[in-house]
């Protein structure tokens, strides 16, 4: 039907658990708008884990099909270098 289905609550809890203890967080996503997975995650963190959401320093939309893990890491390192430099 062209609408994104919400992930199960356990998915968001798993992501939140992984992010616990992080000082700064960048969230990369491939979609835009309220239906994107990134926006769904951000909304869930703000509602259920505001202490983690407060550590998100930026978000970025990327082309997930054409962006490698190394390219994401390079982009994150560049951002953190500018932020903390």
PDB file of N, CA and C in Angstrom:
ATOM      1  N   UNK A   1       0.804  -1.203   0.000  1.00  0.00           N
ATOM      2  CA  UNK A   1       0.000   0.000   0.000  1.00  0.00           C
ATOM      3  C   UNK A   1       0.846   1.266   0.000  1.00  0.00           C
ATOM      4  N   UNK A   2       2.162   1.109  -0.065  1.00  0.00           N
ATOM      5  CA  UNK A   2       3.057   2.255  -0.131  1.00  0.00           C
ATOM      6  C   UNK A   2       3.310   2.938   1.198  1.00  0.00           C
ATOM      7  N   UNK A   3       2.755   2.421   2.272  1.00  0.00           N
ATOM      8  CA  UNK A   3       2.964   3.016   3.590  1.00  0.00           C
ATOM      9  C   UNK A   3       3.953   2.155   4.365  1.00  0.00           C
ATOM     10  N   UNK A   4       4.809   2.823   5.106  1.00  0.00           N
ATOM     11  CA  UNK A   4       5.790   2.115   5.915  1.00  0.00           C
ATOM     12  C   UNK A   4       5.109   1.540   7.141  1.00  0.00           C
ATOM     13  N   UNK A   5       5.390   0.286   7.408  1.00  0.00           N
ATOM     14  CA  UNK A   5       4.861  -0.361   8.604  1.00  0.00           C
ATOM     15  C   UNK A   5       5.818  -0.104   9.763  1.00  0.00           C
ATOM     16  N   UNK A   6       5.268   0.142  10.919  1.00  0.00           N
ATOM     17  CA  UNK A   6       6.097   0.413  12.099  1.00  0.00           C
ATOM     18  C   UNK A   6       6.841  -0.848  12.523  1.00  0.00           C
ATOM     19  N   UNK A   7       8.046  -0.632  13.005  1.00  0.00           N
ATOM     20  CA  UNK A   7       8.844  -1.736  13.530  1.00  0.00           C
ATOM     21  C   UNK A   7       8.261  -2.157  14.873  1.00  0.00           C
ATOM     22  N   UNK A   8       8.483  -3.404  15.276  1.00  0.00           N
ATOM     23  CA  UNK A   8       8.006  -3.826  16.602  1.00  0.00           C
ATOM     24  C   UNK A   8       8.743  -3.077  17.705  1.00  0.00           C
ATOM     25  N   UNK A   9       8.102  -2.929  18.843  1.00  0.00           N
ATOM     26  CA  UNK A   9       8.687  -2.209  19.974  1.00  0.00           C
ATOM     27  C   UNK A   9      10.051  -2.783  20.349  1.00  0.00           C
ATOM     28  N   UNK A  10      10.206  -4.091  20.218  1.00  0.00           N
ATOM     29  CA  UNK A  10      11.477  -4.732  20.577  1.00  0.00           C
ATOM     30  C   UNK A  10      12.632  -4.200  19.720  1.00  0.00           C
ATOM     31  N   UNK A  11      12.345  -3.821  18.472  1.00  0.00           N
ATOM     32  CA  UNK A  11      13.393  -3.265  17.610  1.00  0.00           C
ATOM     33  C   UNK A  11      13.914  -1.958  18.193  1.00  0.00           C
ATOM     34  N   UNK A  12      13.005  -1.059  18.538  1.00  0.00           N
ATOM     35  CA  UNK A  12      13.411   0.238  19.082  1.00  0.00           C
ATOM     36  C   UNK A  12      14.114   0.082  20.425  1.00  0.00           C
ATOM     37  N   UNK A  13      13.669  -0.849  21.230  1.00  0.00           N
ATOM     38  CA  UNK A  13      14.318  -1.093  22.522  1.00  0.00           C
ATOM     39  C   UNK A  13      15.736  -1.613  22.321  1.00  0.00           C
ATOM     40  N   UNK A  14      15.923  -2.450  21.308  1.00  0.00           N
ATOM     41  CA  UNK A  14      17.252  -2.970  21.001  1.00  0.00           C
ATOM     42  C   UNK A  14      18.186  -1.851  20.550  1.00  0.00           C
ATOM     43  N   UNK A  15      17.679  -0.963  19.707  1.00  0.00           N
ATOM     44  CA  UNK A  15      18.489   0.176  19.257  1.00  0.00           C
ATOM     45  C   UNK A  15      18.822   1.076  20.438  1.00  0.00           C
ATOM     46  N   UNK A  16      17.852   1.363  21.292  1.00  0.00           N
ATOM     47  CA  UNK A  16      18.088   2.216  22.463  1.00  0.00           C
ATOM     48  C   UNK A  16      19.141   1.592  23.375  1.00  0.00           C
ATOM     49  N   UNK A  17      19.063   0.291  23.572  1.00  0.00           N
ATOM     50  CA  UNK A  17      20.038  -0.397  24.422  1.00  0.00           C
ATOM     51  C   UNK A  17      21.440  -0.270  23.834  1.00  0.00           C
ATOM     52  N   UNK A  18      21.542  -0.392  22.522  1.00  0.00           N
ATOM     53  CA  UNK A  18      22.831  -0.259  21.851  1.00  0.00           C
ATOM     54  C   UNK A  18      23.397   1.148  22.003  1.00  0.00           C
ATOM     55  N   UNK A  19      22.534   2.151  21.991  1.00  0.00           N
ATOM     56  CA  UNK A  19      22.986   3.545  22.060  1.00  0.00           C
ATOM     57  C   UNK A  19      23.280   4.028  23.477  1.00  0.00           C
ATOM     58  N   UNK A  20      22.863   3.276  24.489  1.00  0.00           N
ATOM     59  CA  UNK A  20      23.122   3.685  25.871  1.00  0.00           C
ATOM     60  C   UNK A  20      24.625   3.847  26.071  1.00  0.00           C
ATOM     61  N   UNK A  21      24.999   4.889  26.747  1.00  0.00           N
ATOM     62  CA  UNK A  21      26.402   5.134  27.027  1.00  0.00           C
ATOM     63  C   UNK A  21      27.112   5.978  25.976  1.00  0.00           C
ATOM     64  N   UNK A  22      26.470   6.211  24.843  1.00  0.00           N
ATOM     65  CA  UNK A  22      27.084   7.052  23.811  1.00  0.00           C
ATOM     66  C   UNK A  22      27.078   8.506  24.268  1.00  0.00           C
ATOM     67  N   UNK A  23      28.147   9.212  23.956  1.00  0.00           N
ATOM     68  CA  UNK A  23      28.224  10.635  24.297  1.00  0.00           C
ATOM     69  C   UNK A  23      27.559  11.497  23.236  1.00  0.00           C
ATOM     70  N   UNK A  24      27.745  11.114  21.975  1.00  0.00           N
ATOM     71  CA  UNK A  24      27.183  11.841  20.847  1.00  0.00           C
ATOM     72  C   UNK A  24      26.715  10.823  19.815  1.00  0.00           C
ATOM     73  N   UNK A  25      25.597  11.111  19.169  1.00  0.00           N
ATOM     74  CA  UNK A  25      25.015  10.164  18.221  1.00  0.00           C
ATOM     75  C   UNK A  25      24.677  10.878  16.918  1.00  0.00           C
ATOM     76  N   UNK A  26      25.050  10.250  15.799  1.00  0.00           N
ATOM     77  CA  UNK A  26      24.609  10.663  14.473  1.00  0.00           C
ATOM     78  C   UNK A  26      23.665   9.571  13.985  1.00  0.00           C
ATOM     79  N   UNK A  27      22.514   9.963  13.459  1.00  0.00           N
ATOM     80  CA  UNK A  27      21.574   8.999  12.904  1.00  0.00           C
ATOM     81  C   UNK A  27      21.529   9.190  11.395  1.00  0.00           C
ATOM     82  N   UNK A  28      21.870   8.126  10.671  1.00  0.00           N
ATOM     83  CA  UNK A  28      21.774   8.127   9.214  1.00  0.00           C
ATOM     84  C   UNK A  28      20.498   7.399   8.821  1.00  0.00           C
ATOM     85  N   UNK A  29      19.815   7.913   7.820  1.00  0.00           N
ATOM     86  CA  UNK A  29      18.617   7.267   7.309  1.00  0.00           C
ATOM     87  C   UNK A  29      18.529   7.463   5.815  1.00  0.00           C
ATOM     88  N   UNK A  30      17.688   6.659   5.168  1.00  0.00           N
ATOM     89  CA  UNK A  30      17.605   6.762   3.717  1.00  0.00           C
ATOM     90  C   UNK A  30      16.283   7.331   3.233  1.00  0.00           C
ATOM     91  N   UNK A  31      15.354   7.551   4.126  1.00  0.00           N
ATOM     92  CA  UNK A  31      14.066   8.101   3.714  1.00  0.00           C
ATOM     93  C   UNK A  31      13.834   9.474   4.286  1.00  0.00           C
ATOM     94  N   UNK A  32      12.774  10.100   3.813  1.00  0.00           N
ATOM     95  CA  UNK A  32      12.416  11.412   4.333  1.00  0.00           C
ATOM     96  C   UNK A  32      10.951  11.400   4.732  1.00  0.00           C
ATOM     97  N   UNK A  33      10.578  12.355   5.529  1.00  0.00           N
ATOM     98  CA  UNK A  33       9.187  12.476   5.943  1.00  0.00           C
ATOM     99  C   UNK A  33       8.886  11.674   7.192  1.00  0.00           C
ATOM    100  N   UNK A  34       7.676  11.871   7.704  1.00  0.00           N
ATOM    101  CA  UNK A  34       7.284  11.243   8.958  1.00  0.00           C
ATOM    102  C   UNK A  34       7.250   9.724   8.889  1.00  0.00           C
ATOM    103  N   UNK A  35       7.115   9.164   7.708  1.00  0.00           N
ATOM    104  CA  UNK A  35       7.040   7.720   7.579  1.00  0.00           C
ATOM    105  C   UNK A  35       8.386   7.032   7.469  1.00  0.00           C
ATOM    106  N   UNK A  36       9.465   7.803   7.429  1.00  0.00           N
ATOM    107  CA  UNK A  36      10.784   7.186   7.280  1.00  0.00           C
ATOM    108  C   UNK A  36      11.190   6.470   8.559  1.00  0.00           C
ATOM    109  N   UNK A  37      11.995   5.453   8.406  1.00  0.00           N
ATOM    110  CA  UNK A  37      12.473   4.695   9.557  1.00  0.00           C
ATOM    111  C   UNK A  37      13.254   5.588  10.510  1.00  0.00           C
ATOM    112  N   UNK A  38      14.027   6.534   9.955  1.00  0.00           N
ATOM    113  CA  UNK A  38      14.799   7.426  10.798  1.00  0.00           C
ATOM    114  C   UNK A  38      13.872   8.280  11.664  1.00  0.00           C
ATOM    115  N   UNK A  39      12.830   8.831  11.074  1.00  0.00           N
ATOM    116  CA  UNK A  39      11.886   9.660  11.839  1.00  0.00           C
ATOM    117  C   UNK A  39      11.134   8.827  12.867  1.00  0.00           C
ATOM    118  N   UNK A  40      10.804   7.602  12.510  1.00  0.00           N
ATOM    119  CA  UNK A  40      10.129   6.711  13.465  1.00  0.00           C
ATOM    120  C   UNK A  40      11.039   6.437  14.664  1.00  0.00           C
ATOM    121  N   UNK A  41      12.323   6.174  14.384  1.00  0.00           N
ATOM    122  CA  UNK A  41      13.288   5.936  15.469  1.00  0.00           C
ATOM    123  C   UNK A  41      13.441   7.174  16.336  1.00  0.00           C
ATOM    124  N   UNK A  42      13.596   8.333  15.712  1.00  0.00           N
ATOM    125  CA  UNK A  42      13.759   9.570  16.479  1.00  0.00           C
ATOM    126  C   UNK A  42      12.547   9.826  17.370  1.00  0.00           C
ATOM    127  N   UNK A  43      11.366   9.628  16.826  1.00  0.00           N
ATOM    128  CA  UNK A  43      10.146   9.816  17.608  1.00  0.00           C
ATOM    129  C   UNK A  43      10.066   8.863  18.777  1.00  0.00           C
ATOM    130  N   UNK A  44      10.444   7.607  18.539  1.00  0.00           N
ATOM    131  CA  UNK A  44      10.419   6.622  19.614  1.00  0.00           C
ATOM    132  C   UNK A  44      11.418   6.984  20.697  1.00  0.00           C
ATOM    133  N   UNK A  45      12.627   7.376  20.304  1.00  0.00           N
ATOM    134  CA  UNK A  45      13.633   7.749  21.301  1.00  0.00           C
ATOM    135  C   UNK A  45      13.190   8.972  22.105  1.00  0.00           C
ATOM    136  N   UNK A  46      12.622   9.960  21.440  1.00  0.00           N
ATOM    137  CA  UNK A  46      12.154  11.155  22.149  1.00  0.00           C
ATOM    138  C   UNK A  46      11.052  10.817  23.140  1.00  0.00           C
ATOM    139  N   UNK A  47      10.180   9.896  22.772  1.00  0.00           N
ATOM    140  CA  UNK A  47       9.058   9.534  23.641  1.00  0.00           C
ATOM    141  C   UNK A  47       9.458   8.613  24.785  1.00  0.00           C
ATOM    142  N   UNK A  48      10.302   7.638  24.490  1.00  0.00           N
ATOM    143  CA  UNK A  48      10.586   6.583  25.468  1.00  0.00           C
ATOM    144  C   UNK A  48      11.994   6.625  26.055  1.00  0.00           C
ATOM    145  N   UNK A  49      12.897   7.328  25.401  1.00  0.00           N
ATOM    146  CA  UNK A  49      14.289   7.400  25.869  1.00  0.00           C
ATOM    147  C   UNK A  49      14.834   8.813  25.641  1.00  0.00           C
ATOM    148  N   UNK A  50      14.239   9.812  26.287  1.00  0.00           N
ATOM    149  CA  UNK A  50      14.671  11.196  26.032  1.00  0.00           C
ATOM    150  C   UNK A  50      16.127  11.448  26.378  1.00  0.00           C
ATOM    151  N   UNK A  51      16.687  10.689  27.301  1.00  0.00           N
ATOM    152  CA  UNK A  51      18.096  10.871  27.662  1.00  0.00           C
ATOM    153  C   UNK A  51      19.012  10.459  26.510  1.00  0.00           C
ATOM    154  N   UNK A  52      18.595   9.490  25.728  1.00  0.00           N
ATOM    155  CA  UNK A  52      19.358   9.079  24.549  1.00  0.00           C
ATOM    156  C   UNK A  52      19.100  10.063  23.402  1.00  0.00           C
ATOM    157  N   UNK A  53      17.860  10.447  23.203  1.00  0.00           N
ATOM    158  CA  UNK A  53      17.517  11.392  22.137  1.00  0.00           C
ATOM    159  C   UNK A  53      18.281  12.705  22.301  1.00  0.00           C
ATOM    160  N   UNK A  54      18.523  13.111  23.532  1.00  0.00           N
ATOM    161  CA  UNK A  54      19.240  14.362  23.791  1.00  0.00           C
ATOM    162  C   UNK A  54      20.691  14.300  23.315  1.00  0.00           C
ATOM    163  N   UNK A  55      21.219  13.117  23.110  1.00  0.00           N
ATOM    164  CA  UNK A  55      22.609  12.957  22.679  1.00  0.00           C
ATOM    165  C   UNK A  55      22.768  12.909  21.157  1.00  0.00           C
ATOM    166  N   UNK A  56      21.637  12.985  20.434  1.00  0.00           N
ATOM    167  CA  UNK A  56      21.704  13.007  18.972  1.00  0.00           C
ATOM    168  C   UNK A  56      22.159  14.395  18.531  1.00  0.00           C
ATOM    169  N   UNK A  57      23.319  14.444  17.900  1.00  0.00           N
ATOM    170  CA  UNK A  57      23.890  15.734  17.505  1.00  0.00           C
ATOM    171  C   UNK A  57      23.497  16.131  16.083  1.00  0.00           C
ATOM    172  N   UNK A  58      23.152  15.154  15.253  1.00  0.00           N
ATOM    173  CA  UNK A  58      22.684  15.450  13.906  1.00  0.00           C
ATOM    174  C   UNK A  58      22.068  14.205  13.277  1.00  0.00           C
ATOM    175  N   UNK A  59      21.323  14.436  12.213  1.00  0.00           N
ATOM    176  CA  UNK A  59      20.793  13.359  11.400  1.00  0.00           C
ATOM    177  C   UNK A  59      21.183  13.647   9.960  1.00  0.00           C
ATOM    178  N   UNK A  60      21.255  12.606   9.160  1.00  0.00           N
ATOM    179  CA  UNK A  60      21.620  12.802   7.756  1.00  0.00           C
ATOM    180  C   UNK A  60      20.912  11.769   6.902  1.00  0.00           C
ATOM    181  N   UNK A  61      20.369  12.242   5.788  1.00  0.00           N
ATOM    182  CA  UNK A  61      19.741  11.349   4.821  1.00  0.00           C
ATOM    183  C   UNK A  61      20.810  10.939   3.813  1.00  0.00           C
ATOM    184  N   UNK A  62      20.921   9.626   3.591  1.00  0.00           N
ATOM    185  CA  UNK A  62      21.908   9.099   2.660  1.00  0.00           C
ATOM    186  C   UNK A  62      21.219   8.160   1.671  1.00  0.00           C
ATOM    187  N   UNK A  63      21.897   7.877   0.585  1.00  0.00           N
ATOM    188  CA  UNK A  63      21.403   6.905  -0.389  1.00  0.00           C
ATOM    189  C   UNK A  63      21.888   5.534   0.075  1.00  0.00           C
ATOM    190  N   UNK A  64      21.049   4.818   0.801  1.00  0.00           N
ATOM    191  CA  UNK A  64      21.437   3.557   1.426  1.00  0.00           C
ATOM    192  C   UNK A  64      21.877   2.504   0.412  1.00  0.00           C
ATOM    193  N   UNK A  65      21.340   2.568  -0.783  1.00  0.00           N
ATOM    194  CA  UNK A  65      21.680   1.559  -1.791  1.00  0.00           C
ATOM    195  C   UNK A  65      23.046   1.805  -2.435  1.00  0.00           C
ATOM    196  N   UNK A  66      23.546   3.021  -2.308  1.00  0.00           N
ATOM    197  CA  UNK A  66      24.808   3.355  -2.964  1.00  0.00           C
ATOM    198  C   UNK A  66      25.854   3.911  -2.002  1.00  0.00           C
ATOM    199  N   UNK A  67      25.648   3.746  -0.709  1.00  0.00           N
ATOM    200  CA  UNK A  67      26.590   4.233   0.287  1.00  0.00           C
ATOM    201  C   UNK A  67      27.153   3.047   1.048  1.00  0.00           C
ATOM    202  N   UNK A  68      28.484   2.930   1.065  1.00  0.00           N
ATOM    203  CA  UNK A  68      29.112   1.818   1.766  1.00  0.00           C
ATOM    204  C   UNK A  68      29.284   2.150   3.247  1.00  0.00           C
ATOM    205  N   UNK A  69      29.550   1.137   4.026  1.00  0.00           N
ATOM    206  CA  UNK A  69      29.800   1.349   5.455  1.00  0.00           C
ATOM    207  C   UNK A  69      31.009   2.254   5.651  1.00  0.00           C
ATOM    208  N   UNK A  70      32.048   2.077   4.852  1.00  0.00           N
ATOM    209  CA  UNK A  70      33.233   2.932   4.961  1.00  0.00           C
ATOM    210  C   UNK A  70      32.910   4.387   4.651  1.00  0.00           C
ATOM    211  N   UNK A  71      32.021   4.623   3.693  1.00  0.00           N
ATOM    212  CA  UNK A  71      31.613   5.990   3.366  1.00  0.00           C
ATOM    213  C   UNK A  71      30.831   6.615   4.522  1.00  0.00           C
ATOM    214  N   UNK A  72      29.970   5.812   5.169  1.00  0.00           N
ATOM    215  CA  UNK A  72      29.241   6.316   6.344  1.00  0.00           C
ATOM    216  C   UNK A  72      30.201   6.663   7.476  1.00  0.00           C
ATOM    217  N   UNK A  73      31.167   5.787   7.707  1.00  0.00           N
ATOM    218  CA  UNK A  73      32.154   6.046   8.759  1.00  0.00           C
ATOM    219  C   UNK A  73      32.960   7.302   8.457  1.00  0.00           C
ATOM    220  N   UNK A  74      33.363   7.479   7.212  1.00  0.00           N
ATOM    221  CA  UNK A  74      34.118   8.677   6.829  1.00  0.00           C
ATOM    222  C   UNK A  74      33.280   9.935   7.048  1.00  0.00           C
ATOM    223  N   UNK A  75      32.018   9.865   6.693  1.00  0.00           N
ATOM    224  CA  UNK A  75      31.118  11.015   6.880  1.00  0.00           C
ATOM    225  C   UNK A  75      30.957  11.340   8.367  1.00  0.00           C
ATOM    226  N   UNK A  76      30.811  10.307   9.183  1.00  0.00           N
ATOM    227  CA  UNK A  76      30.676  10.516  10.629  1.00  0.00           C
ATOM    228  C   UNK A  76      31.956  11.102  11.215  1.00  0.00           C
ATOM    229  N   UNK A  77      33.099  10.561  10.812  1.00  0.00           N
ATOM    230  CA  UNK A  77      34.379  11.090  11.315  1.00  0.00           C
ATOM    231  C   UNK A  77      34.568  12.553  10.943  1.00  0.00           C
ATOM    232  N   UNK A  78      34.205  12.902   9.716  1.00  0.00           N
ATOM    233  CA  UNK A  78      34.323  14.294   9.266  1.00  0.00           C
ATOM    234  C   UNK A  78      33.419  15.202  10.104  1.00  0.00           C
ATOM    235  N   UNK A  79      32.189  14.752  10.341  1.00  0.00           N
ATOM    236  CA  UNK A  79      31.267  15.561  11.130  1.00  0.00           C
ATOM    237  C   UNK A  79      31.806  15.757  12.546  1.00  0.00           C
ATOM    238  N   UNK A  80      32.242  14.659  13.188  1.00  0.00           N
ATOM    239  CA  UNK A  80      32.751  14.757  14.550  1.00  0.00           C
ATOM    240  C   UNK A  80      34.011  15.614  14.630  1.00  0.00           C
ATOM    241  N   UNK A  81      34.861  15.547  13.616  1.00  0.00           N
ATOM    242  CA  UNK A  81      36.074  16.380  13.583  1.00  0.00           C
ATOM    243  C   UNK A  81      35.682  17.859  13.548  1.00  0.00           C
ATOM    244  N   UNK A  82      34.670  18.191  12.755  1.00  0.00           N
ATOM    245  CA  UNK A  82      34.213  19.586  12.672  1.00  0.00           C
ATOM    246  C   UNK A  82      33.536  20.009  13.978  1.00  0.00           C
ATOM    247  N   UNK A  83      32.752  19.108  14.552  1.00  0.00           N
ATOM    248  CA  UNK A  83      32.017  19.412  15.782  1.00  0.00           C
ATOM    249  C   UNK A  83      32.956  19.592  16.966  1.00  0.00           C
ATOM    250  N   UNK A  84      33.940  18.735  17.065  1.00  0.00           N
ATOM    251  CA  UNK A  84      34.812  18.717  18.236  1.00  0.00           C
ATOM    252  C   UNK A  84      36.166  19.363  17.987  1.00  0.00           C
ATOM    253  N   UNK A  85      36.391  19.856  16.761  1.00  0.00           N
ATOM    254  CA  UNK A  85      37.698  20.417  16.394  1.00  0.00           C
ATOM    255  C   UNK A  85      37.817  21.813  16.794  1.00  0.00           C
TER     256      UNK A  85
END
